[in-house]
């Protein structure tokens, strides 16, 4: 069996009780802050912002990768355009814009 005798003085017991009350009060204050609606909303906002930042960062990396890939296809190492690739794409773009303009004109008439 465990020894249940206490060799502390009444002053030591009172000091221990006071210290434990203070610790308990701090704990209760912390719990009160954590469950306060403003704290909960603030935490939720912080999580959303972190998620959006992460998503935007991933999107930026992906877009940067695509732009770099397109650039390497249409620009040589010296920075000059690769005409053998630029001219066909430009002709396709001009053709598509022309067809769209012609279709819009026909709808107005």
PDB file of N, CA and C in Angstrom:
ATOM      1  N   UNK A   1       0.819  -1.159   0.000  1.00  0.00           N
ATOM      2  CA  UNK A   1       0.000   0.000   0.000  1.00  0.00           C
ATOM      3  C   UNK A   1       0.876   1.239   0.000  1.00  0.00           C
ATOM      4  N   UNK A   2       0.336   2.292  -0.584  1.00  0.00           N
ATOM      5  CA  UNK A   2       1.067   3.549  -0.645  1.00  0.00           C
ATOM      6  C   UNK A   2       0.942   4.280   0.674  1.00  0.00           C
ATOM      7  N   UNK A   3       2.011   4.990   1.005  1.00  0.00           N
ATOM      8  CA  UNK A   3       2.012   5.779   2.237  1.00  0.00           C
ATOM      9  C   UNK A   3       1.220   7.057   1.999  1.00  0.00           C
ATOM     10  N   UNK A   4       0.176   7.281   2.797  1.00  0.00           N
ATOM     11  CA  UNK A   4      -0.685   8.442   2.608  1.00  0.00           C
ATOM     12  C   UNK A   4      -0.337   9.575   3.561  1.00  0.00           C
ATOM     13  N   UNK A   5       0.705   9.405   4.376  1.00  0.00           N
ATOM     14  CA  UNK A   5       1.074  10.476   5.296  1.00  0.00           C
ATOM     15  C   UNK A   5       1.715  11.613   4.514  1.00  0.00           C
ATOM     16  N   UNK A   6       1.401  12.839   4.915  1.00  0.00           N
ATOM     17  CA  UNK A   6       1.914  14.029   4.242  1.00  0.00           C
ATOM     18  C   UNK A   6       2.809  14.760   5.220  1.00  0.00           C
ATOM     19  N   UNK A   7       4.061  14.967   4.836  1.00  0.00           N
ATOM     20  CA  UNK A   7       5.020  15.606   5.737  1.00  0.00           C
ATOM     21  C   UNK A   7       5.140  17.100   5.482  1.00  0.00           C
ATOM     22  N   UNK A   8       4.290  17.630   4.638  1.00  0.00           N
ATOM     23  CA  UNK A   8       4.347  19.064   4.353  1.00  0.00           C
ATOM     24  C   UNK A   8       3.683  19.847   5.488  1.00  0.00           C
ATOM     25  N   UNK A   9       4.138  21.060   5.607  1.00  0.00           N
ATOM     26  CA  UNK A   9       3.547  21.941   6.609  1.00  0.00           C
ATOM     27  C   UNK A   9       2.276  22.551   6.041  1.00  0.00           C
ATOM     28  N   UNK A  10       1.407  23.078   6.888  1.00  0.00           N
ATOM     29  CA  UNK A  10       0.198  23.737   6.382  1.00  0.00           C
ATOM     30  C   UNK A  10       0.517  24.884   5.423  1.00  0.00           C
ATOM     31  N   UNK A  11       1.580  25.611   5.664  1.00  0.00           N
ATOM     32  CA  UNK A  11       1.959  26.717   4.758  1.00  0.00           C
ATOM     33  C   UNK A  11       2.355  26.180   3.386  1.00  0.00           C
ATOM     34  N   UNK A  12       3.071  25.043   3.391  1.00  0.00           N
ATOM     35  CA  UNK A  12       3.462  24.436   2.110  1.00  0.00           C
ATOM     36  C   UNK A  12       2.230  23.932   1.355  1.00  0.00           C
ATOM     37  N   UNK A  13       1.299  23.363   2.063  1.00  0.00           N
ATOM     38  CA  UNK A  13       0.064  22.863   1.433  1.00  0.00           C
ATOM     39  C   UNK A  13      -0.723  24.036   0.853  1.00  0.00           C
ATOM     40  N   UNK A  14      -0.833  25.120   1.620  1.00  0.00           N
ATOM     41  CA  UNK A  14      -1.544  26.308   1.131  1.00  0.00           C
ATOM     42  C   UNK A  14      -0.857  26.875  -0.110  1.00  0.00           C
ATOM     43  N   UNK A  15       0.482  26.926  -0.101  1.00  0.00           N
ATOM     44  CA  UNK A  15       1.232  27.433  -1.255  1.00  0.00           C
ATOM     45  C   UNK A  15       1.010  26.537  -2.469  1.00  0.00           C
ATOM     46  N   UNK A  16       0.976  25.225  -2.245  1.00  0.00           N
ATOM     47  CA  UNK A  16       0.744  24.280  -3.334  1.00  0.00           C
ATOM     48  C   UNK A  16      -0.662  24.456  -3.908  1.00  0.00           C
ATOM     49  N   UNK A  17      -1.635  24.648  -3.030  1.00  0.00           N
ATOM     50  CA  UNK A  17      -3.023  24.852  -3.485  1.00  0.00           C
ATOM     51  C   UNK A  17      -3.116  26.143  -4.291  1.00  0.00           C
ATOM     52  N   UNK A  18      -2.474  27.193  -3.785  1.00  0.00           N
ATOM     53  CA  UNK A  18      -2.489  28.487  -4.497  1.00  0.00           C
ATOM     54  C   UNK A  18      -1.859  28.345  -5.883  1.00  0.00           C
ATOM     55  N   UNK A  19      -0.722  27.667  -5.956  1.00  0.00           N
ATOM     56  CA  UNK A  19      -0.034  27.471  -7.248  1.00  0.00           C
ATOM     57  C   UNK A  19      -0.920  26.675  -8.212  1.00  0.00           C
ATOM     58  N   UNK A  20      -1.551  25.639  -7.727  1.00  0.00           N
ATOM     59  CA  UNK A  20      -2.422  24.819  -8.579  1.00  0.00           C
ATOM     60  C   UNK A  20      -3.640  25.610  -9.051  1.00  0.00           C
ATOM     61  N   UNK A  21      -4.182  26.473  -8.193  1.00  0.00           N
ATOM     62  CA  UNK A  21      -5.300  27.327  -8.606  1.00  0.00           C
ATOM     63  C   UNK A  21      -4.881  28.262  -9.735  1.00  0.00           C
ATOM     64  N   UNK A  22      -3.688  28.829  -9.608  1.00  0.00           N
ATOM     65  CA  UNK A  22      -3.176  29.734 -10.643  1.00  0.00           C
ATOM     66  C   UNK A  22      -3.002  29.009 -11.972  1.00  0.00           C
ATOM     67  N   UNK A  23      -2.440  27.804 -11.895  1.00  0.00           N
ATOM     68  CA  UNK A  23      -2.270  26.998 -13.117  1.00  0.00           C
ATOM     69  C   UNK A  23      -3.633  26.661 -13.712  1.00  0.00           C
ATOM     70  N   UNK A  24      -4.577  26.289 -12.880  1.00  0.00           N
ATOM     71  CA  UNK A  24      -5.922  25.972 -13.350  1.00  0.00           C
ATOM     72  C   UNK A  24      -6.583  27.198 -13.971  1.00  0.00           C
ATOM     73  N   UNK A  25      -6.410  28.370 -13.354  1.00  0.00           N
ATOM     74  CA  UNK A  25      -6.981  29.607 -13.896  1.00  0.00           C
ATOM     75  C   UNK A  25      -6.384  29.917 -15.269  1.00  0.00           C
ATOM     76  N   UNK A  26      -5.074  29.744 -15.423  1.00  0.00           N
ATOM     77  CA  UNK A  26      -4.424  29.954 -16.722  1.00  0.00           C
ATOM     78  C   UNK A  26      -4.991  28.991 -17.760  1.00  0.00           C
ATOM     79  N   UNK A  27      -5.152  27.747 -17.374  1.00  0.00           N
ATOM     80  CA  UNK A  27      -5.680  26.735 -18.287  1.00  0.00           C
ATOM     81  C   UNK A  27      -7.098  27.087 -18.717  1.00  0.00           C
ATOM     82  N   UNK A  28      -7.921  27.497 -17.770  1.00  0.00           N
ATOM     83  CA  UNK A  28      -9.300  27.875 -18.093  1.00  0.00           C
ATOM     84  C   UNK A  28      -9.335  29.106 -18.986  1.00  0.00           C
ATOM     85  N   UNK A  29      -8.463  30.077 -18.727  1.00  0.00           N
ATOM     86  CA  UNK A  29      -8.394  31.259 -19.591  1.00  0.00           C
ATOM     87  C   UNK A  29      -8.011  30.871 -21.019  1.00  0.00           C
ATOM     88  N   UNK A  30      -7.043  29.976 -21.132  1.00  0.00           N
ATOM     89  CA  UNK A  30      -6.608  29.527 -22.451  1.00  0.00           C
ATOM     90  C   UNK A  30      -7.733  28.796 -23.183  1.00  0.00           C
ATOM     91  N   UNK A  31      -8.456  27.956 -22.467  1.00  0.00           N
ATOM     92  CA  UNK A  31      -9.595  27.251 -23.075  1.00  0.00           C
ATOM     93  C   UNK A  31     -10.648  28.262 -23.515  1.00  0.00           C
ATOM     94  N   UNK A  32     -10.903  29.273 -22.671  1.00  0.00           N
ATOM     95  CA  UNK A  32     -11.871  30.305 -23.028  1.00  0.00           C
ATOM     96  C   UNK A  32     -11.497  31.041 -24.297  1.00  0.00           C
ATOM     97  N   UNK A  33     -10.209  31.330 -24.460  1.00  0.00           N
ATOM     98  CA  UNK A  33      -9.745  32.009 -25.676  1.00  0.00           C
ATOM     99  C   UNK A  33      -9.901  31.092 -26.882  1.00  0.00           C
ATOM    100  N   UNK A  34      -9.553  29.839 -26.711  1.00  0.00           N
ATOM    101  CA  UNK A  34      -9.617  28.897 -27.841  1.00  0.00           C
ATOM    102  C   UNK A  34     -11.030  28.662 -28.335  1.00  0.00           C
ATOM    103  N   UNK A  35     -12.021  28.661 -27.451  1.00  0.00           N
ATOM    104  CA  UNK A  35     -13.390  28.364 -27.870  1.00  0.00           C
ATOM    105  C   UNK A  35     -14.190  29.633 -28.154  1.00  0.00           C
ATOM    106  N   UNK A  36     -13.570  30.794 -28.020  1.00  0.00           N
ATOM    107  CA  UNK A  36     -14.258  32.046 -28.317  1.00  0.00           C
ATOM    108  C   UNK A  36     -14.552  32.102 -29.819  1.00  0.00           C
ATOM    109  N   UNK A  37     -15.739  32.544 -30.205  1.00  0.00           N
ATOM    110  CA  UNK A  37     -16.103  32.581 -31.634  1.00  0.00           C
ATOM    111  C   UNK A  37     -15.108  33.368 -32.498  1.00  0.00           C
ATOM    112  N   UNK A  38     -14.594  34.482 -31.982  1.00  0.00           N
ATOM    113  CA  UNK A  38     -13.625  35.253 -32.773  1.00  0.00           C
ATOM    114  C   UNK A  38     -12.361  34.445 -33.038  1.00  0.00           C
ATOM    115  N   UNK A  39     -11.934  33.679 -32.057  1.00  0.00           N
ATOM    116  CA  UNK A  39     -10.747  32.842 -32.234  1.00  0.00           C
ATOM    117  C   UNK A  39     -11.009  31.750 -33.262  1.00  0.00           C
ATOM    118  N   UNK A  40     -12.177  31.144 -33.173  1.00  0.00           N
ATOM    119  CA  UNK A  40     -12.524  30.073 -34.120  1.00  0.00           C
ATOM    120  C   UNK A  40     -12.594  30.630 -35.533  1.00  0.00           C
ATOM    121  N   UNK A  41     -13.237  31.785 -35.699  1.00  0.00           N
ATOM    122  CA  UNK A  41     -13.342  32.412 -37.028  1.00  0.00           C
ATOM    123  C   UNK A  41     -11.959  32.798 -37.527  1.00  0.00           C
ATOM    124  N   UNK A  42     -11.140  33.363 -36.647  1.00  0.00           N
ATOM    125  CA  UNK A  42      -9.781  33.746 -37.040  1.00  0.00           C
ATOM    126  C   UNK A  42      -8.958  32.553 -37.486  1.00  0.00           C
ATOM    127  N   UNK A  43      -9.075  31.448 -36.751  1.00  0.00           N
ATOM    128  CA  UNK A  43      -8.353  30.230 -37.137  1.00  0.00           C
ATOM    129  C   UNK A  43      -8.838  29.707 -38.486  1.00  0.00           C
ATOM    130  N   UNK A  44     -10.154  29.742 -38.692  1.00  0.00           N
ATOM    131  CA  UNK A  44     -10.712  29.276 -39.973  1.00  0.00           C
ATOM    132  C   UNK A  44     -10.223  30.155 -41.112  1.00  0.00           C
ATOM    133  N   UNK A  45     -10.221  31.479 -40.902  1.00  0.00           N
ATOM    134  CA  UNK A  45      -9.722  32.391 -41.940  1.00  0.00           C
ATOM    135  C   UNK A  45      -8.258  32.106 -42.246  1.00  0.00           C
ATOM    136  N   UNK A  46      -7.475  31.891 -41.223  1.00  0.00           N
ATOM    137  CA  UNK A  46      -6.048  31.617 -41.423  1.00  0.00           C
ATOM    138  C   UNK A  46      -5.841  30.336 -42.231  1.00  0.00           C
ATOM    139  N   UNK A  47      -6.657  29.317 -41.946  1.00  0.00           N
ATOM    140  CA  UNK A  47      -6.549  28.064 -42.709  1.00  0.00           C
ATOM    141  C   UNK A  47      -6.925  28.281 -44.167  1.00  0.00           C
ATOM    142  N   UNK A  48      -7.988  29.053 -44.403  1.00  0.00           N
ATOM    143  CA  UNK A  48      -8.410  29.320 -45.785  1.00  0.00           C
ATOM    144  C   UNK A  48      -7.335  30.103 -46.521  1.00  0.00           C
ATOM    145  N   UNK A  49      -6.784  31.125 -45.873  1.00  0.00           N
ATOM    146  CA  UNK A  49      -5.734  31.927 -46.508  1.00  0.00           C
ATOM    147  C   UNK A  49      -4.522  31.060 -46.827  1.00  0.00           C
ATOM    148  N   UNK A  50      -4.151  30.205 -45.909  1.00  0.00           N
ATOM    149  CA  UNK A  50      -3.005  29.322 -46.152  1.00  0.00           C
ATOM    150  C   UNK A  50      -3.285  28.385 -47.326  1.00  0.00           C
ATOM    151  N   UNK A  51      -4.514  27.855 -47.391  1.00  0.00           N
ATOM    152  CA  UNK A  51      -4.869  26.962 -48.496  1.00  0.00           C
ATOM    153  C   UNK A  51      -4.859  27.713 -49.818  1.00  0.00           C
ATOM    154  N   UNK A  52      -5.428  28.925 -49.826  1.00  0.00           N
ATOM    155  CA  UNK A  52      -5.447  29.724 -51.058  1.00  0.00           C
ATOM    156  C   UNK A  52      -4.023  30.072 -51.474  1.00  0.00           C
ATOM    157  N   UNK A  53      -3.192  30.492 -50.520  1.00  0.00           N
ATOM    158  CA  UNK A  53      -1.798  30.799 -50.841  1.00  0.00           C
ATOM    159  C   UNK A  53      -1.093  29.589 -51.441  1.00  0.00           C
ATOM    160  N   UNK A  54      -1.347  28.432 -50.858  1.00  0.00           N
ATOM    161  CA  UNK A  54      -0.730  27.209 -51.367  1.00  0.00           C
ATOM    162  C   UNK A  54      -1.226  26.905 -52.786  1.00  0.00           C
ATOM    163  N   UNK A  55      -2.532  27.046 -52.991  1.00  0.00           N
ATOM    164  CA  UNK A  55      -3.107  26.773 -54.313  1.00  0.00           C
ATOM    165  C   UNK A  55      -2.591  27.766 -55.346  1.00  0.00           C
ATOM    166  N   UNK A  56      -2.552  29.055 -54.972  1.00  0.00           N
ATOM    167  CA  UNK A  56      -2.045  30.073 -55.894  1.00  0.00           C
ATOM    168  C   UNK A  56      -0.578  29.813 -56.202  1.00  0.00           C
ATOM    169  N   UNK A  57       0.172  29.426 -55.205  1.00  0.00           N
ATOM    170  CA  UNK A  57       1.586  29.121 -55.427  1.00  0.00           C
ATOM    171  C   UNK A  57       1.771  27.963 -56.395  1.00  0.00           C
ATOM    172  N   UNK A  58       0.973  26.914 -56.220  1.00  0.00           N
ATOM    173  CA  UNK A  58       1.057  25.779 -57.144  1.00  0.00           C
ATOM    174  C   UNK A  58       0.636  26.188 -58.537  1.00  0.00           C
ATOM    175  N   UNK A  59      -0.415  27.016 -58.647  1.00  0.00           N
ATOM    176  CA  UNK A  59      -0.866  27.482 -59.955  1.00  0.00           C
ATOM    177  C   UNK A  59       0.221  28.325 -60.617  1.00  0.00           C
ATOM    178  N   UNK A  60       0.872  29.187 -59.835  1.00  0.00           N
ATOM    179  CA  UNK A  60       1.944  30.012 -60.374  1.00  0.00           C
ATOM    180  C   UNK A  60       3.075  29.155 -60.930  1.00  0.00           C
ATOM    181  N   UNK A  61       3.456  28.147 -60.170  1.00  0.00           N
ATOM    182  CA  UNK A  61       4.530  27.255 -60.627  1.00  0.00           C
ATOM    183  C   UNK A  61       4.120  26.559 -61.922  1.00  0.00           C
ATOM    184  N   UNK A  62       2.870  26.101 -61.982  1.00  0.00           N
ATOM    185  CA  UNK A  62       2.394  25.402 -63.176  1.00  0.00           C
ATOM    186  C   UNK A  62       2.370  26.339 -64.387  1.00  0.00           C
ATOM    187  N   UNK A  63       1.838  27.556 -64.198  1.00  0.00           N
ATOM    188  CA  UNK A  63       1.784  28.528 -65.298  1.00  0.00           C
ATOM    189  C   UNK A  63       3.194  28.887 -65.735  1.00  0.00           C
ATOM    190  N   UNK A  64       4.072  29.080 -64.789  1.00  0.00           N
ATOM    191  CA  UNK A  64       5.456  29.409 -65.113  1.00  0.00           C
ATOM    192  C   UNK A  64       6.094  28.287 -65.935  1.00  0.00           C
ATOM    193  N   UNK A  65       5.794  27.058 -65.575  1.00  0.00           N
ATOM    194  CA  UNK A  65       6.324  25.912 -66.313  1.00  0.00           C
ATOM    195  C   UNK A  65       5.797  25.894 -67.755  1.00  0.00           C
ATOM    196  N   UNK A  66       4.503  26.163 -67.914  1.00  0.00           N
ATOM    197  CA  UNK A  66       3.900  26.177 -69.256  1.00  0.00           C
ATOM    198  C   UNK A  66       4.484  27.313 -70.086  1.00  0.00           C
ATOM    199  N   UNK A  67       4.607  28.510 -69.488  1.00  0.00           N
ATOM    200  CA  UNK A  67       5.165  29.655 -70.215  1.00  0.00           C
ATOM    201  C   UNK A  67       6.595  29.364 -70.634  1.00  0.00           C
ATOM    202  N   UNK A  68       7.364  28.771 -69.744  1.00  0.00           N
ATOM    203  CA  UNK A  68       8.750  28.431 -70.095  1.00  0.00           C
ATOM    204  C   UNK A  68       8.789  27.419 -71.234  1.00  0.00           C
ATOM    205  N   UNK A  69       7.886  26.451 -71.189  1.00  0.00           N
ATOM    206  CA  UNK A  69       7.831  25.442 -72.249  1.00  0.00           C
ATOM    207  C   UNK A  69       7.463  26.080 -73.590  1.00  0.00           C
ATOM    208  N   UNK A  70       6.454  26.954 -73.584  1.00  0.00           N
ATOM    209  CA  UNK A  70       6.053  27.630 -74.823  1.00  0.00           C
ATOM    210  C   UNK A  70       7.185  28.504 -75.331  1.00  0.00           C
ATOM    211  N   UNK A  71       7.832  29.197 -74.420  1.00  0.00           N
ATOM    212  CA  UNK A  71       8.933  30.081 -74.825  1.00  0.00           C
ATOM    213  C   UNK A  71      10.050  29.276 -75.492  1.00  0.00           C
ATOM    214  N   UNK A  72      10.401  28.122 -74.925  1.00  0.00           N
ATOM    215  CA  UNK A  72      11.473  27.326 -75.532  1.00  0.00           C
ATOM    216  C   UNK A  72      11.070  26.796 -76.898  1.00  0.00           C
ATOM    217  N   UNK A  73       9.773  26.647 -77.130  1.00  0.00           N
ATOM    218  CA  UNK A  73       9.331  26.174 -78.441  1.00  0.00           C
ATOM    219  C   UNK A  73       9.396  27.268 -79.504  1.00  0.00           C
ATOM    220  N   UNK A  74       9.206  28.528 -79.090  1.00  0.00           N
ATOM    221  CA  UNK A  74       9.104  29.610 -80.071  1.00  0.00           C
ATOM    222  C   UNK A  74      10.277  30.579 -80.059  1.00  0.00           C
ATOM    223  N   UNK A  75      11.218  30.418 -79.144  1.00  0.00           N
ATOM    224  CA  UNK A  75      12.382  31.307 -79.072  1.00  0.00           C
ATOM    225  C   UNK A  75      13.622  30.434 -78.932  1.00  0.00           C
ATOM    226  N   UNK A  76      14.670  30.778 -79.712  1.00  0.00           N
ATOM    227  CA  UNK A  76      15.901  29.993 -79.620  1.00  0.00           C
ATOM    228  C   UNK A  76      16.728  30.445 -78.418  1.00  0.00           C
ATOM    229  N   UNK A  77      17.897  29.839 -78.239  1.00  0.00           N
ATOM    230  CA  UNK A  77      18.730  30.120 -77.061  1.00  0.00           C
ATOM    231  C   UNK A  77      19.217  31.566 -77.005  1.00  0.00           C
ATOM    232  N   UNK A  78      19.345  32.211 -78.166  1.00  0.00           N
ATOM    233  CA  UNK A  78      19.806  33.605 -78.202  1.00  0.00           C
ATOM    234  C   UNK A  78      18.659  34.588 -77.972  1.00  0.00           C
ATOM    235  N   UNK A  79      17.427  34.114 -77.899  1.00  0.00           N
ATOM    236  CA  UNK A  79      16.276  34.990 -77.679  1.00  0.00           C
ATOM    237  C   UNK A  79      15.570  35.414 -78.960  1.00  0.00           C
ATOM    238  N   UNK A  80      16.042  34.945 -80.093  1.00  0.00           N
ATOM    239  CA  UNK A  80      15.418  35.294 -81.375  1.00  0.00           C
ATOM    240  C   UNK A  80      14.246  34.340 -81.636  1.00  0.00           C
ATOM    241  N   UNK A  81      13.182  34.839 -82.246  1.00  0.00           N
ATOM    242  CA  UNK A  81      12.032  33.962 -82.532  1.00  0.00           C
ATOM    243  C   UNK A  81      12.390  32.884 -83.558  1.00  0.00           C
ATOM    244  N   UNK A  82      11.825  31.710 -83.384  1.00  0.00           N
ATOM    245  CA  UNK A  82      12.012  30.622 -84.346  1.00  0.00           C
ATOM    246  C   UNK A  82      10.908  30.772 -85.394  1.00  0.00           C
ATOM    247  N   UNK A  83      11.263  31.361 -86.510  1.00  0.00           N
ATOM    248  CA  UNK A  83      10.278  31.690 -87.535  1.00  0.00           C
ATOM    249  C   UNK A  83       9.569  30.458 -88.085  1.00  0.00           C
ATOM    250  N   UNK A  84      10.261  29.336 -88.130  1.00  0.00           N
ATOM    251  CA  UNK A  84       9.645  28.113 -88.648  1.00  0.00           C
ATOM    252  C   UNK A  84       8.486  27.648 -87.763  1.00  0.00           C
ATOM    253  N   UNK A  85       8.440  28.123 -86.531  1.00  0.00           N
ATOM    254  CA  UNK A  85       7.332  27.771 -85.643  1.00  0.00           C
ATOM    255  C   UNK A  85       6.369  28.948 -85.439  1.00  0.00           C
ATOM    256  N   UNK A  86       6.878  30.162 -85.451  1.00  0.00           N
ATOM    257  CA  UNK A  86       6.049  31.337 -85.197  1.00  0.00           C
ATOM    258  C   UNK A  86       5.108  31.618 -86.368  1.00  0.00           C
ATOM    259  N   UNK A  87       5.616  31.541 -87.594  1.00  0.00           N
ATOM    260  CA  UNK A  87       4.805  31.894 -88.772  1.00  0.00           C
ATOM    261  C   UNK A  87       3.570  31.001 -88.900  1.00  0.00           C
ATOM    262  N   UNK A  88       3.679  29.676 -88.812  1.00  0.00           N
ATOM    263  CA  UNK A  88       2.464  28.855 -88.918  1.00  0.00           C
ATOM    264  C   UNK A  88       1.432  29.163 -87.828  1.00  0.00           C
ATOM    265  N   UNK A  89       1.899  29.395 -86.612  1.00  0.00           N
ATOM    266  CA  UNK A  89       0.972  29.711 -85.527  1.00  0.00           C
ATOM    267  C   UNK A  89       0.301  31.053 -85.791  1.00  0.00           C
ATOM    268  N   UNK A  90       1.061  32.035 -86.240  1.00  0.00           N
ATOM    269  CA  UNK A  90       0.492  33.354 -86.549  1.00  0.00           C
ATOM    270  C   UNK A  90      -0.547  33.246 -87.649  1.00  0.00           C
ATOM    271  N   UNK A  91      -0.299  32.436 -88.656  1.00  0.00           N
ATOM    272  CA  UNK A  91      -1.271  32.261 -89.741  1.00  0.00           C
ATOM    273  C   UNK A  91      -2.560  31.609 -89.228  1.00  0.00           C
ATOM    274  N   UNK A  92      -2.431  30.643 -88.350  1.00  0.00           N
ATOM    275  CA  UNK A  92      -3.612  29.993 -87.774  1.00  0.00           C
ATOM    276  C   UNK A  92      -4.409  31.007 -86.953  1.00  0.00           C
ATOM    277  N   UNK A  93      -3.724  31.811 -86.154  1.00  0.00           N
ATOM    278  CA  UNK A  93      -4.406  32.819 -85.330  1.00  0.00           C
ATOM    279  C   UNK A  93      -5.131  33.821 -86.210  1.00  0.00           C
ATOM    280  N   UNK A  94      -4.479  34.295 -87.258  1.00  0.00           N
ATOM    281  CA  UNK A  94      -5.118  35.248 -88.173  1.00  0.00           C
ATOM    282  C   UNK A  94      -6.331  34.604 -88.835  1.00  0.00           C
ATOM    283  N   UNK A  95      -6.222  33.351 -89.223  1.00  0.00           N
ATOM    284  CA  UNK A  95      -7.349  32.652 -89.837  1.00  0.00           C
ATOM    285  C   UNK A  95      -8.522  32.510 -88.875  1.00  0.00           C
ATOM    286  N   UNK A  96      -8.256  32.136 -87.644  1.00  0.00           N
ATOM    287  CA  UNK A  96      -9.328  31.972 -86.652  1.00  0.00           C
ATOM    288  C   UNK A  96      -9.998  33.315 -86.367  1.00  0.00           C
ATOM    289  N   UNK A  97      -9.206  34.377 -86.206  1.00  0.00           N
ATOM    290  CA  UNK A  97      -9.770  35.707 -85.953  1.00  0.00           C
ATOM    291  C   UNK A  97     -10.609  36.138 -87.150  1.00  0.00           C
ATOM    292  N   UNK A  98     -10.138  35.873 -88.353  1.00  0.00           N
ATOM    293  CA  UNK A  98     -10.905  36.229 -89.556  1.00  0.00           C
ATOM    294  C   UNK A  98     -12.230  35.493 -89.613  1.00  0.00           C
ATOM    295  N   UNK A  99     -12.219  34.201 -89.297  1.00  0.00           N
ATOM    296  CA  UNK A  99     -13.462  33.424 -89.297  1.00  0.00           C
ATOM    297  C   UNK A  99     -14.430  33.922 -88.226  1.00  0.00           C
ATOM    298  N   UNK A 100     -13.919  34.260 -87.061  1.00  0.00           N
ATOM    299  CA  UNK A 100     -14.781  34.791 -86.008  1.00  0.00           C
ATOM    300  C   UNK A 100     -15.387  36.132 -86.418  1.00  0.00           C
ATOM    301  N   UNK A 101     -14.581  36.980 -87.029  1.00  0.00           N
ATOM    302  CA  UNK A 101     -15.093  38.278 -87.488  1.00  0.00           C
ATOM    303  C   UNK A 101     -16.135  38.091 -88.576  1.00  0.00           C
ATOM    304  N   UNK A 102     -15.900  37.166 -89.496  1.00  0.00           N
ATOM    305  CA  UNK A 102     -16.855  36.909 -90.568  1.00  0.00           C
ATOM    306  C   UNK A 102     -18.157  36.355 -90.008  1.00  0.00           C
ATOM    307  N   UNK A 103     -18.064  35.467 -89.017  1.00  0.00           N
ATOM    308  CA  UNK A 103     -19.281  34.908 -88.391  1.00  0.00           C
ATOM    309  C   UNK A 103     -20.052  35.982 -87.638  1.00  0.00           C
ATOM    310  N   UNK A 104     -19.356  36.875 -86.960  1.00  0.00           N
ATOM    311  CA  UNK A 104     -20.035  37.960 -86.243  1.00  0.00           C
ATOM    312  C   UNK A 104     -20.714  38.907 -87.219  1.00  0.00           C
ATOM    313  N   UNK A 105     -20.086  39.145 -88.329  1.00  0.00           N
ATOM    314  CA  UNK A 105     -20.660  40.050 -89.348  1.00  0.00           C
ATOM    315  C   UNK A 105     -21.909  39.438 -89.960  1.00  0.00           C
ATOM    316  N   UNK A 106     -21.896  38.146 -90.194  1.00  0.00           N
ATOM    317  CA  UNK A 106     -23.052  37.468 -90.777  1.00  0.00           C
ATOM    318  C   UNK A 106     -24.234  37.471 -89.804  1.00  0.00           C
ATOM    319  N   UNK A 107     -23.958  37.349 -88.505  1.00  0.00           N
ATOM    320  CA  UNK A 107     -25.032  37.370 -87.521  1.00  0.00           C
ATOM    321  C   UNK A 107     -25.685  38.728 -87.424  1.00  0.00           C
ATOM    322  N   UNK A 108     -24.941  39.795 -87.654  1.00  0.00           N
ATOM    323  CA  UNK A 108     -25.513  41.155 -87.591  1.00  0.00           C
ATOM    324  C   UNK A 108     -26.375  41.446 -88.815  1.00  0.00           C
ATOM    325  N   UNK A 109     -26.040  40.852 -89.931  1.00  0.00           N
ATOM    326  CA  UNK A 109     -26.789  41.131 -91.184  1.00  0.00           C
ATOM    327  C   UNK A 109     -28.095  40.405 -91.257  1.00  0.00           C
TER     328      UNK A 109
END
